[in-house]
PDB file of N, CA and C in Angstrom:
ATOM      1  N   MET A   1     112.406  87.856  91.737  1.00  0.00           N
ATOM      2  CA  MET A   1     113.012  89.167  91.632  1.00  0.00           C
ATOM      3  C   MET A   1     112.288  90.125  92.573  1.00  0.00           C
ATOM      4  N   THR A   2     113.051  90.942  93.240  1.00  0.00           N
ATOM      5  CA  THR A   2     112.446  91.937  94.114  1.00  0.00           C
ATOM      6  C   THR A   2     112.771  93.336  93.618  1.00  0.00           C
ATOM      7  N   THR A   3     111.931  94.236  94.001  1.00  0.00           N
ATOM      8  CA  THR A   3     112.161  95.646  93.719  1.00  0.00           C
ATOM      9  C   THR A   3     112.408  96.333  95.043  1.00  0.00           C
ATOM     10  N   LYS A   4     113.474  97.092  95.126  1.00  0.00           N
ATOM     11  CA  LYS A   4     113.804  97.825  96.342  1.00  0.00           C
ATOM     12  C   LYS A   4     113.793  99.307  96.028  1.00  0.00           C
ATOM     13  N   GLY A   5     113.373 100.078  96.987  1.00  0.00           N
ATOM     14  CA  GLY A   5     113.364 101.514  96.791  1.00  0.00           C
ATOM     15  C   GLY A   5     113.136 102.233  98.095  1.00  0.00           C
ATOM     16  N   SER A   6     112.876 103.518  97.997  1.00  0.00           N
ATOM     17  CA  SER A   6     112.566 104.316  99.178  1.00  0.00           C
ATOM     18  C   SER A   6     111.388 105.223  98.856  1.00  0.00           C
ATOM     19  N   PHE A   7     110.760 105.719  99.909  1.00  0.00           N
ATOM     20  CA  PHE A   7     109.643 106.637  99.721  1.00  0.00           C
ATOM     21  C   PHE A   7     109.636 107.666 100.842  1.00  0.00           C
ATOM     22  N   TYR A   8     108.973 108.772 100.574  1.00  0.00           N
ATOM     23  CA  TYR A   8     108.815 109.825 101.574  1.00  0.00           C
ATOM     24  C   TYR A   8     107.455 110.476 101.374  1.00  0.00           C
ATOM     25  N   VAL A   9     107.037 111.246 102.369  1.00  0.00           N
ATOM     26  CA  VAL A   9     105.770 111.964 102.319  1.00  0.00           C
ATOM     27  C   VAL A   9     106.073 113.454 102.235  1.00  0.00           C
ATOM     28  N   LYS A  10     105.348 114.162 101.370  1.00  0.00           N
ATOM     29  CA  LYS A  10     105.499 115.618 101.253  1.00  0.00           C
ATOM     30  C   LYS A  10     104.142 116.275 101.460  1.00  0.00           C
ATOM     31  N   ASN A  11     104.126 117.331 102.258  1.00  0.00           N
ATOM     32  CA  ASN A  11     102.896 118.068 102.531  1.00  0.00           C
ATOM     33  C   ASN A  11     102.750 119.230 101.551  1.00  0.00           C
ATOM     34  N   ASN A  12     101.880 119.060 100.557  1.00  0.00           N
ATOM     35  CA  ASN A  12     101.574 120.118  99.597  1.00  0.00           C
ATOM     36  C   ASN A  12     100.203 120.737  99.865  1.00  0.00           C
ATOM     37  N   SER A  13      99.659 120.479 101.060  1.00  0.00           N
ATOM     38  CA  SER A  13      98.366 121.066 101.416  1.00  0.00           C
ATOM     39  C   SER A  13      98.595 122.393 102.135  1.00  0.00           C
ATOM     40  N   SER A  14      97.519 123.078 102.434  1.00  0.00           N
ATOM     41  CA  SER A  14      97.633 124.360 103.131  1.00  0.00           C
ATOM     42  C   SER A  14      97.543 124.201 104.647  1.00  0.00           C
ATOM     43  N   ASP A  15      97.492 122.949 105.133  1.00  0.00           N
ATOM     44  CA  ASP A  15      97.379 122.672 106.566  1.00  0.00           C
ATOM     45  C   ASP A  15      98.484 121.732 107.031  1.00  0.00           C
ATOM     46  N   LYS A  16      98.742 121.743 108.328  1.00  0.00           N
ATOM     47  CA  LYS A  16      99.671 120.792 108.932  1.00  0.00           C
ATOM     48  C   LYS A  16      99.064 119.391 108.833  1.00  0.00           C
ATOM     49  N   ILE A  17      99.901 118.371 108.613  1.00  0.00           N
ATOM     50  CA  ILE A  17      99.435 116.985 108.559  1.00  0.00           C
ATOM     51  C   ILE A  17     100.262 116.137 109.525  1.00  0.00           C
ATOM     52  N   THR A  18      99.594 115.180 110.173  1.00  0.00           N
ATOM     53  CA  THR A  18     100.241 114.276 111.120  1.00  0.00           C
ATOM     54  C   THR A  18      99.685 112.883 110.898  1.00  0.00           C
ATOM     55  N   GLY A  19     100.564 111.877 110.762  1.00  0.00           N
ATOM     56  CA  GLY A  19     100.095 110.512 110.585  1.00  0.00           C
ATOM     57  C   GLY A  19     101.166 109.598 110.058  1.00  0.00           C
ATOM     58  N   TYR A  20     100.745 108.632 109.216  1.00  0.00           N
ATOM     59  CA  TYR A  20     101.700 107.692 108.638  1.00  0.00           C
ATOM     60  C   TYR A  20     101.257 107.237 107.252  1.00  0.00           C
ATOM     61  N   VAL A  21     102.223 106.762 106.490  1.00  0.00           N
ATOM     62  CA  VAL A  21     101.987 106.065 105.224  1.00  0.00           C
ATOM     63  C   VAL A  21     102.777 104.771 105.304  1.00  0.00           C
ATOM     64  N   ARG A  22     102.138 103.668 104.925  1.00  0.00           N
ATOM     65  CA  ARG A  22     102.786 102.351 104.924  1.00  0.00           C
ATOM     66  C   ARG A  22     102.711 101.731 103.541  1.00  0.00           C
ATOM     67  N   PHE A  23     103.764 101.041 103.175  1.00  0.00           N
ATOM     68  CA  PHE A  23     103.759 100.246 101.953  1.00  0.00           C
ATOM     69  C   PHE A  23     103.265  98.856 102.312  1.00  0.00           C
ATOM     70  N   LYS A  24     102.262  98.355 101.586  1.00  0.00           N
ATOM     71  CA  LYS A  24     101.679  97.026 101.798  1.00  0.00           C
ATOM     72  C   LYS A  24     101.183  96.823 103.228  1.00  0.00           C
ATOM     73  N   ASP A  25     100.777  97.884 103.902  1.00  0.00           N
ATOM     74  CA  ASP A  25     100.297  97.849 105.286  1.00  0.00           C
ATOM     75  C   ASP A  25     101.292  97.166 106.217  1.00  0.00           C
ATOM     76  N   SER A  26     102.570  97.374 105.970  1.00  0.00           N
ATOM     77  CA  SER A  26     103.634  96.770 106.772  1.00  0.00           C
ATOM     78  C   SER A  26     104.289  97.824 107.664  1.00  0.00           C
ATOM     79  N   PRO A  27     104.199  97.667 108.996  1.00  0.00           N
ATOM     80  CA  PRO A  27     104.839  98.634 109.896  1.00  0.00           C
ATOM     81  C   PRO A  27     106.353  98.740 109.689  1.00  0.00           C
ATOM     82  N   GLU A  28     106.967  97.710 109.113  1.00  0.00           N
ATOM     83  CA  GLU A  28     108.402  97.754 108.838  1.00  0.00           C
ATOM     84  C   GLU A  28     108.727  98.677 107.663  1.00  0.00           C
ATOM     85  N   MET A  29     107.734  98.985 106.855  1.00  0.00           N
ATOM     86  CA  MET A  29     107.923  99.864 105.693  1.00  0.00           C
ATOM     87  C   MET A  29     106.971 101.050 105.841  1.00  0.00           C
ATOM     88  N   GLU A  30     107.247 101.893 106.832  1.00  0.00           N
ATOM     89  CA  GLU A  30     106.345 102.967 107.227  1.00  0.00           C
ATOM     90  C   GLU A  30     107.106 104.278 107.407  1.00  0.00           C
ATOM     91  N   VAL A  31     106.441 105.367 107.050  1.00  0.00           N
ATOM     92  CA  VAL A  31     106.928 106.709 107.351  1.00  0.00           C
ATOM     93  C   VAL A  31     105.890 107.361 108.258  1.00  0.00           C
ATOM     94  N   ARG A  32     106.326 107.796 109.422  1.00  0.00           N
ATOM     95  CA  ARG A  32     105.478 108.600 110.318  1.00  0.00           C
ATOM     96  C   ARG A  32     105.874 110.056 110.122  1.00  0.00           C
ATOM     97  N   PHE A  33     104.897 110.946 110.164  1.00  0.00           N
ATOM     98  CA  PHE A  33     105.210 112.338 109.872  1.00  0.00           C
ATOM     99  C   PHE A  33     104.369 113.304 110.688  1.00  0.00           C
ATOM    100  N   ASP A  34     104.911 114.493 110.862  1.00  0.00           N
ATOM    101  CA  ASP A  34     104.270 115.641 111.488  1.00  0.00           C
ATOM    102  C   ASP A  34     104.818 116.839 110.709  1.00  0.00           C
ATOM    103  N   LEU A  35     104.118 117.208 109.637  1.00  0.00           N
ATOM    104  CA  LEU A  35     104.682 118.139 108.659  1.00  0.00           C
ATOM    105  C   LEU A  35     103.860 119.407 108.496  1.00  0.00           C
ATOM    106  N   ASN A  36     104.541 120.520 108.467  1.00  0.00           N
ATOM    107  CA  ASN A  36     103.917 121.787 108.104  1.00  0.00           C
ATOM    108  C   ASN A  36     103.861 121.882 106.578  1.00  0.00           C
ATOM    109  N   THR A  37     103.127 122.844 106.066  1.00  0.00           N
ATOM    110  CA  THR A  37     103.014 123.056 104.622  1.00  0.00           C
ATOM    111  C   THR A  37     104.396 123.168 103.984  1.00  0.00           C
ATOM    112  N   GLY A  38     104.605 122.419 102.899  1.00  0.00           N
ATOM    113  CA  GLY A  38     105.859 122.470 102.154  1.00  0.00           C
ATOM    114  C   GLY A  38     106.957 121.557 102.665  1.00  0.00           C
ATOM    115  N   GLU A  39     106.784 120.947 103.835  1.00  0.00           N
ATOM    116  CA  GLU A  39     107.821 120.072 104.389  1.00  0.00           C
ATOM    117  C   GLU A  39     107.696 118.658 103.852  1.00  0.00           C
ATOM    118  N   GLN A  40     108.810 117.923 103.915  1.00  0.00           N
ATOM    119  CA  GLN A  40     108.782 116.513 103.538  1.00  0.00           C
ATOM    120  C   GLN A  40     109.420 115.696 104.650  1.00  0.00           C
ATOM    121  N   SER A  41     108.996 114.434 104.747  1.00  0.00           N
ATOM    122  CA  SER A  41     109.455 113.538 105.803  1.00  0.00           C
ATOM    123  C   SER A  41     110.817 112.948 105.475  1.00  0.00           C
ATOM    124  N   GLU A  42     111.353 112.237 106.441  1.00  0.00           N
ATOM    125  CA  GLU A  42     112.513 111.390 106.190  1.00  0.00           C
ATOM    126  C   GLU A  42     112.058 110.267 105.262  1.00  0.00           C
ATOM    127  N   SER A  43     112.988 109.602 104.626  1.00  0.00           N
ATOM    128  CA  SER A  43     112.660 108.480 103.737  1.00  0.00           C
ATOM    129  C   SER A  43     112.650 107.165 104.503  1.00  0.00           C
ATOM    130  N   ALA A  44     111.885 106.223 103.994  1.00  0.00           N
ATOM    131  CA  ALA A  44     111.880 104.850 104.492  1.00  0.00           C
ATOM    132  C   ALA A  44     112.070 103.937 103.292  1.00  0.00           C
ATOM    133  N   SER A  45     112.590 102.753 103.530  1.00  0.00           N
ATOM    134  CA  SER A  45     112.803 101.825 102.420  1.00  0.00           C
ATOM    135  C   SER A  45     111.605 100.897 102.274  1.00  0.00           C
ATOM    136  N   PHE A  46     111.445 100.360 101.068  1.00  0.00           N
ATOM    137  CA  PHE A  46     110.427  99.341 100.831  1.00  0.00           C
ATOM    138  C   PHE A  46     111.005  98.275  99.923  1.00  0.00           C
ATOM    139  N   GLU A  47     110.398  97.101  99.983  1.00  0.00           N
ATOM    140  CA  GLU A  47     110.814  95.987  99.138  1.00  0.00           C
ATOM    141  C   GLU A  47     109.566  95.255  98.691  1.00  0.00           C
ATOM    142  N   SER A  48     109.515  94.949  97.417  1.00  0.00           N
ATOM    143  CA  SER A  48     108.347  94.316  96.836  1.00  0.00           C
ATOM    144  C   SER A  48     108.772  93.146  95.973  1.00  0.00           C
ATOM    145  N   GLY A  49     107.811  92.292  95.671  1.00  0.00           N
ATOM    146  CA  GLY A  49     108.076  91.217  94.731  1.00  0.00           C
ATOM    147  C   GLY A  49     108.139  91.758  93.317  1.00  0.00           C
ATOM    148  N   ALA A  50     108.149  90.878  92.359  1.00  0.00           N
ATOM    149  CA  ALA A  50     108.281  91.285  90.960  1.00  0.00           C
ATOM    150  C   ALA A  50     107.037  92.003  90.436  1.00  0.00           C
ATOM    151  N   ALA A  51     105.914  91.854  91.128  1.00  0.00           N
ATOM    152  CA  ALA A  51     104.686  92.520  90.683  1.00  0.00           C
ATOM    153  C   ALA A  51     104.859  94.031  90.719  1.00  0.00           C
ATOM    154  N   THR A  52     104.196  94.699  89.811  1.00  0.00           N
ATOM    155  CA  THR A  52     104.320  96.155  89.750  1.00  0.00           C
ATOM    156  C   THR A  52     103.068  96.852  90.274  1.00  0.00           C
ATOM    157  N   HIS A  53     102.231  96.124  90.974  1.00  0.00           N
ATOM    158  CA  HIS A  53     100.991  96.710  91.489  1.00  0.00           C
ATOM    159  C   HIS A  53     100.895  96.388  92.975  1.00  0.00           C
ATOM    160  N   ASP A  54     101.036  97.373  93.816  1.00  0.00           N
ATOM    161  CA  ASP A  54     100.957  97.176  95.259  1.00  0.00           C
ATOM    162  C   ASP A  54     100.158  98.304  95.880  1.00  0.00           C
ATOM    163  N   SER A  55      99.774  98.127  97.142  1.00  0.00           N
ATOM    164  CA  SER A  55      98.967  99.137  97.827  1.00  0.00           C
ATOM    165  C   SER A  55      99.774  99.933  98.834  1.00  0.00           C
ATOM    166  N   TRP A  56      99.410 101.195  98.946  1.00  0.00           N
ATOM    167  CA  TRP A  56      99.949 102.118  99.938  1.00  0.00           C
ATOM    168  C   TRP A  56      98.798 102.440 100.888  1.00  0.00           C
ATOM    169  N   TYR A  57      99.046 102.343 102.183  1.00  0.00           N
ATOM    170  CA  TYR A  57      98.037 102.599 103.203  1.00  0.00           C
ATOM    171  C   TYR A  57      98.383 103.896 103.919  1.00  0.00           C
ATOM    172  N   TYR A  58      97.369 104.665 104.273  1.00  0.00           N
ATOM    173  CA  TYR A  58      97.622 105.943 104.929  1.00  0.00           C
ATOM    174  C   TYR A  58      96.600 106.209 106.023  1.00  0.00           C
ATOM    175  N   SER A  59      97.031 106.972 107.001  1.00  0.00           N
ATOM    176  CA  SER A  59      96.157 107.497 108.039  1.00  0.00           C
ATOM    177  C   SER A  59      96.793 108.789 108.527  1.00  0.00           C
ATOM    178  N   PHE A  60      96.073 109.889 108.383  1.00  0.00           N
ATOM    179  CA  PHE A  60      96.624 111.164 108.826  1.00  0.00           C
ATOM    180  C   PHE A  60      95.506 112.137 109.181  1.00  0.00           C
ATOM    181  N   LYS A  61      95.880 113.138 109.977  1.00  0.00           N
ATOM    182  CA  LYS A  61      94.960 114.212 110.340  1.00  0.00           C
ATOM    183  C   LYS A  61      95.385 115.478 109.624  1.00  0.00           C
ATOM    184  N   LYS A  62      94.378 116.170 109.100  1.00  0.00           N
ATOM    185  CA  LYS A  62      94.608 117.436 108.407  1.00  0.00           C
ATOM    186  C   LYS A  62      93.395 118.320 108.657  1.00  0.00           C
ATOM    187  N   ALA A  63      93.623 119.519 109.175  1.00  0.00           N
ATOM    188  CA  ALA A  63      92.549 120.490 109.438  1.00  0.00           C
ATOM    189  C   ALA A  63      91.426 119.881 110.282  1.00  0.00           C
ATOM    190  N   GLY A  64      91.794 119.101 111.306  1.00  0.00           N
ATOM    191  CA  GLY A  64      90.809 118.532 112.223  1.00  0.00           C
ATOM    192  C   GLY A  64      90.088 117.299 111.719  1.00  0.00           C
ATOM    193  N   GLU A  65      90.365 116.865 110.493  1.00  0.00           N
ATOM    194  CA  GLU A  65      89.731 115.668 109.942  1.00  0.00           C
ATOM    195  C   GLU A  65      90.745 114.547 109.815  1.00  0.00           C
ATOM    196  N   THR A  66      90.273 113.297 109.995  1.00  0.00           N
ATOM    197  CA  THR A  66      91.136 112.129 109.837  1.00  0.00           C
ATOM    198  C   THR A  66      90.845 111.474 108.496  1.00  0.00           C
ATOM    199  N   TYR A  67      91.896 111.159 107.774  1.00  0.00           N
ATOM    200  CA  TYR A  67      91.802 110.489 106.472  1.00  0.00           C
ATOM    201  C   TYR A  67      92.509 109.147 106.594  1.00  0.00           C
ATOM    202  N   THR A  68      91.787 108.062 106.315  1.00  0.00           N
ATOM    203  CA  THR A  68      92.355 106.718 106.397  1.00  0.00           C
ATOM    204  C   THR A  68      91.915 105.950 105.164  1.00  0.00           C
ATOM    205  N   GLY A  69      92.836 105.203 104.575  1.00  0.00           N
ATOM    206  CA  GLY A  69      92.485 104.406 103.403  1.00  0.00           C
ATOM    207  C   GLY A  69      93.706 103.796 102.769  1.00  0.00           C
ATOM    208  N   ASP A  70      93.532 103.378 101.527  1.00  0.00           N
ATOM    209  CA  ASP A  70      94.656 102.820 100.781  1.00  0.00           C
ATOM    210  C   ASP A  70      94.492 103.164  99.311  1.00  0.00           C
ATOM    211  N   LYS A  71      95.588 103.068  98.605  1.00  0.00           N
ATOM    212  CA  LYS A  71      95.584 103.317  97.162  1.00  0.00           C
ATOM    213  C   LYS A  71      96.494 102.299  96.510  1.00  0.00           C
ATOM    214  N   SER A  72      95.952 101.524  95.605  1.00  0.00           N
ATOM    215  CA  SER A  72      96.735 100.556  94.848  1.00  0.00           C
ATOM    216  C   SER A  72      97.254 101.248  93.601  1.00  0.00           C
ATOM    217  N   CYS A  73      98.549 101.103  93.341  1.00  0.00           N
ATOM    218  CA  CYS A  73      99.154 101.798  92.212  1.00  0.00           C
ATOM    219  C   CYS A  73     100.167 100.924  91.492  1.00  0.00           C
ATOM    220  N   ALA A  74     100.218 101.067  90.191  1.00  0.00           N
ATOM    221  CA  ALA A  74     101.330 100.539  89.407  1.00  0.00           C
ATOM    222  C   ALA A  74     102.290 101.707  89.260  1.00  0.00           C
ATOM    223  N   TYR A  75     103.453 101.626  89.866  1.00  0.00           N
ATOM    224  CA  TYR A  75     104.274 102.824  89.985  1.00  0.00           C
ATOM    225  C   TYR A  75     105.738 102.650  89.675  1.00  0.00           C
ATOM    226  N   TYR A  76     106.211 101.451  89.372  1.00  0.00           N
ATOM    227  CA  TYR A  76     107.624 101.305  89.036  1.00  0.00           C
ATOM    228  C   TYR A  76     107.831 100.072  88.176  1.00  0.00           C
ATOM    229  N   ALA A  77     108.955 100.032  87.511  1.00  0.00           N
ATOM    230  CA  ALA A  77     109.286  98.875  86.675  1.00  0.00           C
ATOM    231  C   ALA A  77     109.784  97.731  87.550  1.00  0.00           C
ATOM    232  N   LYS A  78     110.032  96.577  86.950  1.00  0.00           N
ATOM    233  CA  LYS A  78     110.478  95.409  87.703  1.00  0.00           C
ATOM    234  C   LYS A  78     111.975  95.431  87.987  1.00  0.00           C
ATOM    235  N   ASP A  79     112.624  96.530  87.683  1.00  0.00           N
ATOM    236  CA  ASP A  79     114.063  96.640  87.910  1.00  0.00           C
ATOM    237  C   ASP A  79     114.366  96.918  89.375  1.00  0.00           C
ATOM    238  N   GLU A  80     115.611  96.678  89.756  1.00  0.00           N
ATOM    239  CA  GLU A  80     116.065  96.959  91.117  1.00  0.00           C
ATOM    240  C   GLU A  80     116.213  98.463  91.344  1.00  0.00           C
ATOM    241  N   ASN A  81     116.105  98.848  92.595  1.00  0.00           N
ATOM    242  CA  ASN A  81     116.470 100.188  93.070  1.00  0.00           C
ATOM    243  C   ASN A  81     115.746 101.344  92.384  1.00  0.00           C
ATOM    244  N   LYS A  82     114.446 101.257  92.294  1.00  0.00           N
ATOM    245  CA  LYS A  82     113.648 102.375  91.800  1.00  0.00           C
ATOM    246  C   LYS A  82     113.263 103.250  92.982  1.00  0.00           C
ATOM    247  N   GLY A  83     113.179 104.512  92.756  1.00  0.00           N
ATOM    248  CA  GLY A  83     112.779 105.399  93.839  1.00  0.00           C
ATOM    249  C   GLY A  83     113.648 106.625  93.850  1.00  0.00           C
ATOM    250  N   PRO A  84     113.424 107.555  94.698  1.00  0.00           N
ATOM    251  CA  PRO A  84     112.384 107.448  95.719  1.00  0.00           C
ATOM    252  C   PRO A  84     110.982 107.707  95.167  1.00  0.00           C
ATOM    253  N   VAL A  85     110.019 107.121  95.834  1.00  0.00           N
ATOM    254  CA  VAL A  85     108.619 107.342  95.510  1.00  0.00           C
ATOM    255  C   VAL A  85     108.132 108.478  96.404  1.00  0.00           C
ATOM    256  N   ALA A  86     107.458 109.449  95.829  1.00  0.00           N
ATOM    257  CA  ALA A  86     106.912 110.572  96.597  1.00  0.00           C
ATOM    258  C   ALA A  86     105.427 110.339  96.840  1.00  0.00           C
ATOM    259  N   VAL A  87     105.025 110.363  98.105  1.00  0.00           N
ATOM    260  CA  VAL A  87     103.614 110.324  98.473  1.00  0.00           C
ATOM    261  C   VAL A  87     103.265 111.755  98.870  1.00  0.00           C
ATOM    262  N   GLU A  88     102.586 112.461  97.971  1.00  0.00           N
ATOM    263  CA  GLU A  88     102.285 113.876  98.188  1.00  0.00           C
ATOM    264  C   GLU A  88     100.835 114.043  98.626  1.00  0.00           C
ATOM    265  N   ILE A  89     100.645 114.824  99.678  1.00  0.00           N
ATOM    266  CA  ILE A  89      99.304 115.095 100.192  1.00  0.00           C
ATOM    267  C   ILE A  89      98.958 116.550  99.883  1.00  0.00           C
ATOM    268  N   PHE A  90      97.881 116.718  99.116  1.00  0.00           N
ATOM    269  CA  PHE A  90      97.393 118.038  98.722  1.00  0.00           C
ATOM    270  C   PHE A  90      96.121 118.352  99.520  1.00  0.00           C
ATOM    271  N   ASN A  91      95.472 119.473  99.246  1.00  0.00           N
ATOM    272  CA  ASN A  91      94.239 119.820  99.958  1.00  0.00           C
ATOM    273  C   ASN A  91      93.135 118.797  99.722  1.00  0.00           C
ATOM    274  N   ASP A  92      92.978 118.330  98.485  1.00  0.00           N
ATOM    275  CA  ASP A  92      91.853 117.456  98.148  1.00  0.00           C
ATOM    276  C   ASP A  92      92.245 116.082  97.633  1.00  0.00           C
ATOM    277  N   ASN A  93      93.540 115.806  97.504  1.00  0.00           N
ATOM    278  CA  ASN A  93      93.930 114.507  96.966  1.00  0.00           C
ATOM    279  C   ASN A  93      95.299 114.070  97.478  1.00  0.00           C
ATOM    280  N   LEU A  94      95.576 112.800  97.247  1.00  0.00           N
ATOM    281  CA  LEU A  94      96.849 112.175  97.566  1.00  0.00           C
ATOM    282  C   LEU A  94      97.421 111.664  96.252  1.00  0.00           C
ATOM    283  N   LYS A  95      98.703 111.869  96.031  1.00  0.00           N
ATOM    284  CA  LYS A  95      99.326 111.503  94.756  1.00  0.00           C
ATOM    285  C   LYS A  95     100.600 110.710  95.034  1.00  0.00           C
ATOM    286  N   ILE A  96     100.738 109.567  94.370  1.00  0.00           N
ATOM    287  CA  ILE A  96     101.939 108.740  94.479  1.00  0.00           C
ATOM    288  C   ILE A  96     102.692 108.873  93.169  1.00  0.00           C
ATOM    289  N   SER A  97     103.916 109.362  93.258  1.00  0.00           N
ATOM    290  CA  SER A  97     104.691 109.665  92.053  1.00  0.00           C
ATOM    291  C   SER A  97     105.983 108.857  92.002  1.00  0.00           C
ATOM    292  N   PRO A  98     106.107 107.972  91.055  1.00  0.00           N
ATOM    293  CA  PRO A  98     107.389 107.302  90.840  1.00  0.00           C
ATOM    294  C   PRO A  98     108.294 108.191  89.994  1.00  0.00           C
ATOM    295  N   PRO A  99     109.581 107.979  90.031  1.00  0.00           N
ATOM    296  CA  PRO A  99     110.470 108.820  89.260  1.00  0.00           C
ATOM    297  C   PRO A  99     110.433 108.562  87.762  1.00  0.00           C
ATOM    298  N   LEU A 100     109.953 107.383  87.335  1.00  0.00           N
ATOM    299  CA  LEU A 100     110.063 107.041  85.916  1.00  0.00           C
ATOM    300  C   LEU A 100     108.752 106.770  85.191  1.00  0.00           C
ATOM    301  N   SER A 101     107.632 106.655  85.915  1.00  0.00           N
ATOM    302  CA  SER A 101     106.430 106.222  85.193  1.00  0.00           C
ATOM    303  C   SER A 101     105.145 106.819  85.745  1.00  0.00           C
ATOM    304  N   GLY A 102     104.791 107.983  85.292  1.00  0.00           N
ATOM    305  CA  GLY A 102     103.484 108.544  85.608  1.00  0.00           C
ATOM    306  C   GLY A 102     103.215 108.767  87.080  1.00  0.00           C
ATOM    307  N   SER A 103     101.940 108.816  87.434  1.00  0.00           N
ATOM    308  CA  SER A 103     101.557 109.018  88.822  1.00  0.00           C
ATOM    309  C   SER A 103     100.223 108.349  89.102  1.00  0.00           C
ATOM    310  N   CYS A 104      99.860 108.335  90.358  1.00  0.00           N
ATOM    311  CA  CYS A 104      98.627 107.698  90.792  1.00  0.00           C
ATOM    312  C   CYS A 104      97.982 108.628  91.812  1.00  0.00           C
ATOM    313  N   GLU A 105      96.733 109.017  91.594  1.00  0.00           N
ATOM    314  CA  GLU A 105      96.066 109.963  92.481  1.00  0.00           C
ATOM    315  C   GLU A 105      94.797 109.378  93.069  1.00  0.00           C
ATOM    316  N   LYS A 106      94.452 109.861  94.269  1.00  0.00           N
ATOM    317  CA  LYS A 106      93.205 109.483  94.929  1.00  0.00           C
ATOM    318  C   LYS A 106      92.606 110.731  95.554  1.00  0.00           C
ATOM    319  N   THR A 107      91.326 110.970  95.312  1.00  0.00           N
ATOM    320  CA  THR A 107      90.628 112.086  95.933  1.00  0.00           C
ATOM    321  C   THR A 107      90.371 111.753  97.393  1.00  0.00           C
ATOM    322  N   LEU A 108      90.638 112.716  98.261  1.00  0.00           N
ATOM    323  CA  LEU A 108      90.430 112.499  99.703  1.00  0.00           C
ATOM    324  C   LEU A 108      88.998 112.783 100.082  1.00  0.00           C
TER     325      LEU A 108
END
């Protein structure tokens, strides 16, 4: 069984952000962005196996600093077509929010 969905990046920080977010470190499932405060990117699709725990990889510049890393999250049920998943970037943290089950945060 696979899970299909979409995701986007939203800039909730007080600075412009430029970079990318990838699902499972796959360039085929990537959103590249150049966002001012309050803007959100176009959506990209992702596909996962039946497991509900996968990693999101990110690399972006904000206020002259580069942030690179990953965050593993349990974020959706095993059902088809969950999403969209919001990857929100704040001043001090990154938050992955599924539409139906909690959220996952990482301090930057």
